[in-house]
Structure formats: C-alpha cells, structure tokens
Amino acid sequence: MEYTKTIKFKAYLSSLMYITITSLELRGPFHFFKLAGMALQITRQMKTSEGFVHYKSTGLWTSHYTMSLWKNEKDLRSFARSGAHLDGMKRYREVAKEIKTLTIAGEKLPEWSIAKDMLKKNGKVIANY
C-alpha cells in the first residue's frame, strides 16, 4: 500500500510545472513607457519559447507584476538567460529600483492575491538599485 502511494506521489510531482512570479518597482511613473517597450519584446520572446504555457501581468502606477507557467525548469532557465529577457535584465536598472522573484512548482498560475502574498513572504530580491 505504501509503495502505491509513493508511486502516485512521484507521478504527481513529475506532472508539476514551474511558476515564476516577479514584481518590479519602477523608479517613477514615467519609467512605465520604457518598461512597456522592454516588456513587449520579452513577451514576444516568451510566447515563442520552448516549454512556455501561460502568462499574466498586472500593475498600476509604479508597481508591476508578472507570472509565467513553464513545462519544465530547463525551458524556463533557457528563456530567462537569453534574448530579450537577458537584455532586459541587463537594462532594468534604467527603469526599476527593485525586482523580486519567486519560482515554485504548481499545476496552474495562482490568483493574484495569493501570488503577491507568496512573493512578499518568500520572494528573493534580485535587484535593488
């Protein structure tokens, strides 16, 4: 009986995908226009990337958030370390005063209230300018 539970649990774990939740605090409201241009290029890259499943974004004034769902960690990392996303990460100092991120395993993107709470409690500050 225990063996069957272990097999089912391992199968469940292998079916989970990767969710990345990110927050970006702009230097000021007028930096939104530069952010929007960068985000357009990054979103185009993401939507054509291997393993990409789903994406959501929200934001107001100087606080902006994104969530993306990926089939596996390899594809997520490949996207993050290439193309428009890599260029954007090198240039975020131009628009952001803080970037925070959290990557978790899951089946689907969480509701925004839950995602923001998880990010606040467990997110890693990857840039603080």
N, C-alpha and C. Protein backbone atom coordinates (compact mmCIF):
# COMPACT_ATOMS: atom_id res chain seq x y z
N MET A 1 0.82 -1.20 0.00
CA MET A 1 0.00 0.00 0.00
C MET A 1 0.87 1.27 0.00
N GLU A 2 1.89 1.32 0.86
CA GLU A 2 2.79 2.46 0.92
C GLU A 2 3.51 2.67 -0.42
N TYR A 3 3.89 1.58 -1.05
CA TYR A 3 4.59 1.65 -2.33
C TYR A 3 3.71 2.32 -3.38
N THR A 4 2.44 1.98 -3.43
CA THR A 4 1.50 2.56 -4.38
C THR A 4 1.35 4.05 -4.15
N LYS A 5 1.27 4.47 -2.90
CA LYS A 5 1.18 5.90 -2.57
C LYS A 5 2.43 6.63 -3.03
N THR A 6 3.60 6.02 -2.84
CA THR A 6 4.86 6.63 -3.25
C THR A 6 4.90 6.80 -4.76
N ILE A 7 4.49 5.79 -5.49
CA ILE A 7 4.47 5.85 -6.96
C ILE A 7 3.53 6.97 -7.43
N LYS A 8 2.34 7.04 -6.85
CA LYS A 8 1.37 8.08 -7.22
C LYS A 8 1.91 9.47 -6.90
N PHE A 9 2.56 9.61 -5.76
CA PHE A 9 3.11 10.91 -5.37
C PHE A 9 4.22 11.32 -6.32
N LYS A 10 5.09 10.39 -6.69
CA LYS A 10 6.17 10.70 -7.64
C LYS A 10 5.61 11.08 -9.00
N ALA A 11 4.55 10.41 -9.43
CA ALA A 11 3.91 10.75 -10.70
C ALA A 11 3.31 12.15 -10.63
N TYR A 12 2.71 12.47 -9.49
CA TYR A 12 2.14 13.80 -9.30
C TYR A 12 3.23 14.87 -9.37
N LEU A 13 4.34 14.62 -8.67
CA LEU A 13 5.44 15.59 -8.68
C LEU A 13 5.99 15.79 -10.09
N SER A 14 6.10 14.73 -10.84
CA SER A 14 6.65 14.85 -12.20
C SER A 14 5.70 15.58 -13.14
N SER A 15 4.42 15.68 -12.77
CA SER A 15 3.46 16.39 -13.61
C SER A 15 3.42 17.88 -13.31
N LEU A 16 4.05 18.31 -12.23
CA LEU A 16 4.03 19.74 -11.88
C LEU A 16 4.87 20.55 -12.84
N MET A 17 4.46 21.79 -13.02
CA MET A 17 5.19 22.71 -13.88
C MET A 17 5.85 23.77 -13.00
N TYR A 18 6.54 24.70 -13.62
CA TYR A 18 7.24 25.76 -12.90
C TYR A 18 6.53 27.09 -13.10
N ILE A 19 6.32 27.78 -12.00
CA ILE A 19 5.67 29.09 -11.99
C ILE A 19 6.69 30.11 -11.50
N THR A 20 6.88 31.16 -12.28
CA THR A 20 7.73 32.26 -11.83
C THR A 20 6.86 33.49 -11.64
N ILE A 21 6.96 34.08 -10.45
CA ILE A 21 6.22 35.28 -10.09
C ILE A 21 7.26 36.38 -9.89
N THR A 22 7.05 37.52 -10.51
CA THR A 22 8.02 38.62 -10.43
C THR A 22 7.32 39.93 -10.12
N SER A 23 7.94 40.75 -9.28
CA SER A 23 7.46 42.11 -9.07
C SER A 23 8.57 43.08 -9.47
N LEU A 24 8.15 44.21 -9.94
CA LEU A 24 9.09 45.24 -10.37
C LEU A 24 8.57 46.57 -9.85
N GLU A 25 9.38 47.26 -9.09
CA GLU A 25 9.01 48.58 -8.58
C GLU A 25 9.75 49.62 -9.42
N LEU A 26 8.99 50.42 -10.17
CA LEU A 26 9.60 51.42 -11.05
C LEU A 26 10.23 52.57 -10.27
N ARG A 27 11.22 53.18 -10.86
CA ARG A 27 11.87 54.36 -10.26
C ARG A 27 10.88 55.52 -10.16
N GLY A 28 9.96 55.57 -11.08
CA GLY A 28 8.93 56.61 -11.10
C GLY A 28 7.90 56.27 -12.15
N PRO A 29 6.73 56.93 -12.13
CA PRO A 29 5.65 56.58 -13.05
C PRO A 29 5.99 56.78 -14.53
N PHE A 30 6.87 57.70 -14.84
CA PHE A 30 7.21 57.94 -16.24
C PHE A 30 8.14 56.87 -16.82
N HIS A 31 8.70 56.04 -15.96
CA HIS A 31 9.52 54.93 -16.44
C HIS A 31 8.67 53.80 -17.02
N PHE A 32 7.35 53.90 -16.84
CA PHE A 32 6.46 52.88 -17.38
C PHE A 32 6.62 52.73 -18.88
N PHE A 33 6.81 53.83 -19.59
CA PHE A 33 6.88 53.77 -21.04
C PHE A 33 8.08 52.96 -21.52
N LYS A 34 9.21 53.12 -20.86
CA LYS A 34 10.39 52.33 -21.20
C LYS A 34 10.16 50.87 -20.82
N LEU A 35 9.55 50.63 -19.66
CA LEU A 35 9.24 49.28 -19.23
C LEU A 35 8.32 48.60 -20.25
N ALA A 36 7.32 49.30 -20.73
CA ALA A 36 6.36 48.73 -21.69
C ALA A 36 7.07 48.29 -22.97
N GLY A 37 8.01 49.08 -23.45
CA GLY A 37 8.76 48.71 -24.65
C GLY A 37 9.60 47.46 -24.43
N MET A 38 10.25 47.39 -23.27
CA MET A 38 11.05 46.21 -22.94
C MET A 38 10.15 44.99 -22.78
N ALA A 39 9.02 45.16 -22.09
CA ALA A 39 8.11 44.06 -21.81
C ALA A 39 7.52 43.48 -23.10
N LEU A 40 7.26 44.32 -24.07
CA LEU A 40 6.73 43.86 -25.35
C LEU A 40 7.70 42.87 -26.01
N GLN A 41 8.96 43.23 -26.04
CA GLN A 41 9.97 42.34 -26.64
C GLN A 41 10.11 41.04 -25.85
N ILE A 42 10.12 41.16 -24.53
CA ILE A 42 10.26 39.97 -23.67
C ILE A 42 9.05 39.05 -23.83
N THR A 43 7.86 39.62 -23.89
CA THR A 43 6.65 38.83 -24.04
C THR A 43 6.64 38.10 -25.38
N ARG A 44 7.07 38.76 -26.42
CA ARG A 44 7.17 38.10 -27.73
C ARG A 44 8.12 36.91 -27.67
N GLN A 45 9.27 37.11 -27.05
CA GLN A 45 10.23 36.01 -26.90
C GLN A 45 9.61 34.87 -26.10
N MET A 46 8.98 35.20 -24.99
CA MET A 46 8.42 34.19 -24.10
C MET A 46 7.38 33.34 -24.82
N LYS A 47 6.48 33.97 -25.54
CA LYS A 47 5.38 33.25 -26.19
C LYS A 47 5.85 32.30 -27.28
N THR A 48 7.07 32.49 -27.77
CA THR A 48 7.61 31.58 -28.79
C THR A 48 8.67 30.63 -28.20
N SER A 49 8.86 30.68 -26.89
CA SER A 49 9.88 29.85 -26.25
C SER A 49 9.39 28.43 -26.00
N GLU A 50 10.29 27.49 -26.14
CA GLU A 50 10.01 26.08 -25.84
C GLU A 50 9.54 25.96 -24.39
N GLY A 51 8.49 25.22 -24.15
CA GLY A 51 8.03 24.94 -22.79
C GLY A 51 7.12 25.99 -22.18
N PHE A 52 6.91 27.11 -22.87
CA PHE A 52 6.03 28.16 -22.35
C PHE A 52 4.57 27.67 -22.38
N VAL A 53 3.83 27.94 -21.28
CA VAL A 53 2.43 27.51 -21.19
C VAL A 53 1.48 28.70 -21.07
N HIS A 54 1.74 29.61 -20.13
CA HIS A 54 0.78 30.70 -19.88
C HIS A 54 1.49 31.88 -19.20
N TYR A 55 0.90 33.07 -19.36
CA TYR A 55 1.48 34.30 -18.82
C TYR A 55 0.37 35.25 -18.41
N LYS A 56 0.58 35.96 -17.30
CA LYS A 56 -0.33 37.01 -16.86
C LYS A 56 0.51 38.17 -16.32
N SER A 57 -0.01 39.36 -16.45
CA SER A 57 0.66 40.52 -15.86
C SER A 57 -0.39 41.49 -15.33
N THR A 58 0.03 42.27 -14.36
CA THR A 58 -0.83 43.30 -13.79
C THR A 58 0.07 44.39 -13.22
N GLY A 59 -0.48 45.54 -13.03
CA GLY A 59 0.30 46.61 -12.44
C GLY A 59 -0.43 47.93 -12.47
N LEU A 60 0.03 48.81 -11.62
CA LEU A 60 -0.56 50.14 -11.53
C LEU A 60 0.49 51.08 -10.99
N TRP A 61 0.56 52.23 -11.61
CA TRP A 61 1.46 53.29 -11.19
C TRP A 61 2.91 52.82 -11.23
N THR A 62 3.52 52.52 -10.11
CA THR A 62 4.92 52.10 -10.14
C THR A 62 5.14 50.64 -9.74
N SER A 63 4.08 49.91 -9.43
CA SER A 63 4.20 48.51 -9.03
C SER A 63 3.64 47.61 -10.12
N HIS A 64 4.48 46.70 -10.63
CA HIS A 64 4.08 45.82 -11.72
C HIS A 64 4.47 44.38 -11.40
N TYR A 65 3.64 43.44 -11.87
CA TYR A 65 3.82 42.02 -11.56
C TYR A 65 3.64 41.18 -12.81
N THR A 66 4.37 40.06 -12.87
CA THR A 66 4.17 39.08 -13.93
C THR A 66 4.16 37.69 -13.31
N MET A 67 3.48 36.77 -14.00
CA MET A 67 3.51 35.35 -13.66
C MET A 67 3.60 34.59 -14.97
N SER A 68 4.45 33.57 -14.98
CA SER A 68 4.52 32.71 -16.15
C SER A 68 4.58 31.25 -15.71
N LEU A 69 4.03 30.39 -16.56
CA LEU A 69 3.96 28.96 -16.28
C LEU A 69 4.74 28.23 -17.36
N TRP A 70 5.62 27.32 -16.92
CA TRP A 70 6.54 26.61 -17.81
C TRP A 70 6.43 25.10 -17.60
N LYS A 71 6.61 24.34 -18.67
CA LYS A 71 6.53 22.88 -18.59
C LYS A 71 7.65 22.28 -17.74
N ASN A 72 8.83 22.91 -17.78
CA ASN A 72 9.95 22.38 -17.01
C ASN A 72 10.96 23.47 -16.70
N GLU A 73 11.85 23.18 -15.78
CA GLU A 73 12.84 24.16 -15.33
C GLU A 73 13.85 24.49 -16.43
N LYS A 74 14.21 23.50 -17.22
CA LYS A 74 15.20 23.72 -18.29
C LYS A 74 14.73 24.81 -19.26
N ASP A 75 13.48 24.71 -19.70
CA ASP A 75 12.94 25.70 -20.63
C ASP A 75 12.80 27.07 -19.99
N LEU A 76 12.38 27.11 -18.74
CA LEU A 76 12.29 28.37 -18.01
C LEU A 76 13.65 29.05 -17.94
N ARG A 77 14.67 28.31 -17.55
CA ARG A 77 16.03 28.87 -17.43
C ARG A 77 16.57 29.31 -18.79
N SER A 78 16.30 28.53 -19.81
CA SER A 78 16.76 28.88 -21.15
C SER A 78 16.17 30.21 -21.60
N PHE A 79 14.87 30.40 -21.37
CA PHE A 79 14.23 31.68 -21.68
C PHE A 79 14.85 32.82 -20.89
N ALA A 80 15.00 32.63 -19.59
CA ALA A 80 15.47 33.70 -18.71
C ALA A 80 16.89 34.15 -19.04
N ARG A 81 17.68 33.26 -19.59
CA ARG A 81 19.10 33.56 -19.84
C ARG A 81 19.41 33.83 -21.30
N SER A 82 18.41 34.28 -22.06
CA SER A 82 18.66 34.53 -23.48
C SER A 82 17.81 35.68 -24.00
N GLY A 83 18.16 36.13 -25.18
CA GLY A 83 17.35 37.08 -25.95
C GLY A 83 16.93 38.34 -25.24
N ALA A 84 15.69 38.74 -25.50
CA ALA A 84 15.15 40.00 -24.97
C ALA A 84 15.11 39.99 -23.45
N HIS A 85 14.85 38.82 -22.84
CA HIS A 85 14.81 38.76 -21.38
C HIS A 85 16.18 39.05 -20.79
N LEU A 86 17.21 38.44 -21.32
CA LEU A 86 18.56 38.69 -20.84
C LEU A 86 18.94 40.16 -21.04
N ASP A 87 18.63 40.70 -22.21
CA ASP A 87 18.91 42.12 -22.46
C ASP A 87 18.15 43.01 -21.47
N GLY A 88 16.89 42.66 -21.22
CA GLY A 88 16.09 43.43 -20.26
C GLY A 88 16.68 43.37 -18.86
N MET A 89 17.14 42.21 -18.45
CA MET A 89 17.73 42.08 -17.11
C MET A 89 18.99 42.96 -16.99
N LYS A 90 19.73 43.07 -18.06
CA LYS A 90 20.93 43.92 -18.04
C LYS A 90 20.56 45.40 -17.98
N ARG A 91 19.36 45.75 -18.46
CA ARG A 91 18.97 47.16 -18.55
C ARG A 91 17.94 47.58 -17.51
N TYR A 92 17.49 46.69 -16.65
CA TYR A 92 16.43 47.05 -15.72
C TYR A 92 16.80 48.17 -14.77
N ARG A 93 18.06 48.36 -14.55
CA ARG A 93 18.50 49.47 -13.70
C ARG A 93 17.98 50.81 -14.22
N GLU A 94 17.74 50.88 -15.53
CA GLU A 94 17.24 52.10 -16.15
C GLU A 94 15.81 52.43 -15.71
N VAL A 95 15.02 51.43 -15.33
CA VAL A 95 13.61 51.67 -15.02
C VAL A 95 13.19 51.27 -13.61
N ALA A 96 13.89 50.29 -13.02
CA ALA A 96 13.41 49.72 -11.75
C ALA A 96 14.33 50.05 -10.59
N LYS A 97 13.70 50.21 -9.42
CA LYS A 97 14.50 50.35 -8.21
C LYS A 97 14.55 49.05 -7.42
N GLU A 98 13.59 48.12 -7.71
CA GLU A 98 13.65 46.80 -7.08
C GLU A 98 12.94 45.77 -7.96
N ILE A 99 13.55 44.59 -8.04
CA ILE A 99 12.95 43.44 -8.72
C ILE A 99 12.99 42.28 -7.73
N LYS A 100 11.86 41.62 -7.58
CA LYS A 100 11.75 40.48 -6.67
C LYS A 100 11.16 39.32 -7.46
N THR A 101 11.64 38.10 -7.20
CA THR A 101 11.15 36.94 -7.94
C THR A 101 11.01 35.72 -7.04
N LEU A 102 10.13 34.81 -7.48
CA LEU A 102 9.91 33.56 -6.78
C LEU A 102 9.53 32.51 -7.82
N THR A 103 10.18 31.37 -7.78
CA THR A 103 9.83 30.26 -8.66
C THR A 103 9.38 29.09 -7.80
N ILE A 104 8.21 28.55 -8.13
CA ILE A 104 7.61 27.45 -7.37
C ILE A 104 7.09 26.39 -8.34
N ALA A 105 6.79 25.23 -7.82
CA ALA A 105 6.16 24.18 -8.61
C ALA A 105 4.65 24.29 -8.46
N GLY A 106 3.93 23.99 -9.53
CA GLY A 106 2.48 24.05 -9.46
C GLY A 106 1.83 23.55 -10.73
N GLU A 107 0.52 23.44 -10.70
CA GLU A 107 -0.25 22.96 -11.84
C GLU A 107 -0.79 24.09 -12.70
N LYS A 108 -1.02 25.26 -12.07
CA LYS A 108 -1.57 26.41 -12.77
C LYS A 108 -1.15 27.68 -12.04
N LEU A 109 -1.32 28.81 -12.71
CA LEU A 109 -0.98 30.09 -12.10
C LEU A 109 -1.96 30.38 -10.97
N PRO A 110 -1.45 30.87 -9.83
CA PRO A 110 -2.35 31.20 -8.71
C PRO A 110 -3.09 32.52 -8.96
N GLU A 111 -4.07 32.79 -8.12
CA GLU A 111 -4.75 34.08 -8.15
C GLU A 111 -3.75 35.16 -7.75
N TRP A 112 -3.97 36.38 -8.22
CA TRP A 112 -3.02 37.46 -7.94
C TRP A 112 -2.81 37.71 -6.45
N SER A 113 -3.87 37.68 -5.67
CA SER A 113 -3.72 37.95 -4.23
C SER A 113 -2.80 36.91 -3.58
N ILE A 114 -2.93 35.67 -3.96
CA ILE A 114 -2.08 34.62 -3.42
C ILE A 114 -0.65 34.77 -3.93
N ALA A 115 -0.49 35.04 -5.22
CA ALA A 115 0.84 35.21 -5.81
C ALA A 115 1.61 36.36 -5.15
N LYS A 116 0.93 37.49 -4.96
CA LYS A 116 1.59 38.65 -4.35
C LYS A 116 1.98 38.36 -2.90
N ASP A 117 1.13 37.65 -2.19
CA ASP A 117 1.44 37.29 -0.81
C ASP A 117 2.64 36.35 -0.74
N MET A 118 2.68 35.33 -1.61
CA MET A 118 3.83 34.41 -1.65
C MET A 118 5.11 35.16 -1.98
N LEU A 119 5.02 36.08 -2.94
CA LEU A 119 6.19 36.85 -3.34
C LEU A 119 6.69 37.73 -2.20
N LYS A 120 5.76 38.35 -1.48
CA LYS A 120 6.12 39.20 -0.36
C LYS A 120 6.82 38.40 0.74
N LYS A 121 6.30 37.21 1.04
CA LYS A 121 6.83 36.39 2.12
C LYS A 121 8.09 35.61 1.75
N ASN A 122 8.17 35.12 0.51
CA ASN A 122 9.23 34.20 0.12
C ASN A 122 10.07 34.63 -1.07
N GLY A 123 9.74 35.78 -1.66
CA GLY A 123 10.46 36.22 -2.85
C GLY A 123 11.88 36.63 -2.55
N LYS A 124 12.70 36.50 -3.57
CA LYS A 124 14.11 36.86 -3.47
C LYS A 124 14.33 38.17 -4.22
N VAL A 125 14.91 39.15 -3.56
CA VAL A 125 15.24 40.41 -4.22
C VAL A 125 16.46 40.13 -5.10
N ILE A 126 16.27 40.28 -6.42
CA ILE A 126 17.38 40.02 -7.32
C ILE A 126 18.03 41.31 -7.81
N ALA A 127 17.37 42.41 -7.60
CA ALA A 127 17.93 43.71 -7.95
C ALA A 127 17.35 44.76 -7.04
N ASN A 128 18.19 45.55 -6.47
CA ASN A 128 17.77 46.62 -5.57
C ASN A 128 18.70 47.79 -5.84
N TYR A 129 18.22 48.75 -6.61
CA TYR A 129 19.08 49.86 -7.04
C TYR A 129 18.73 51.12 -6.30
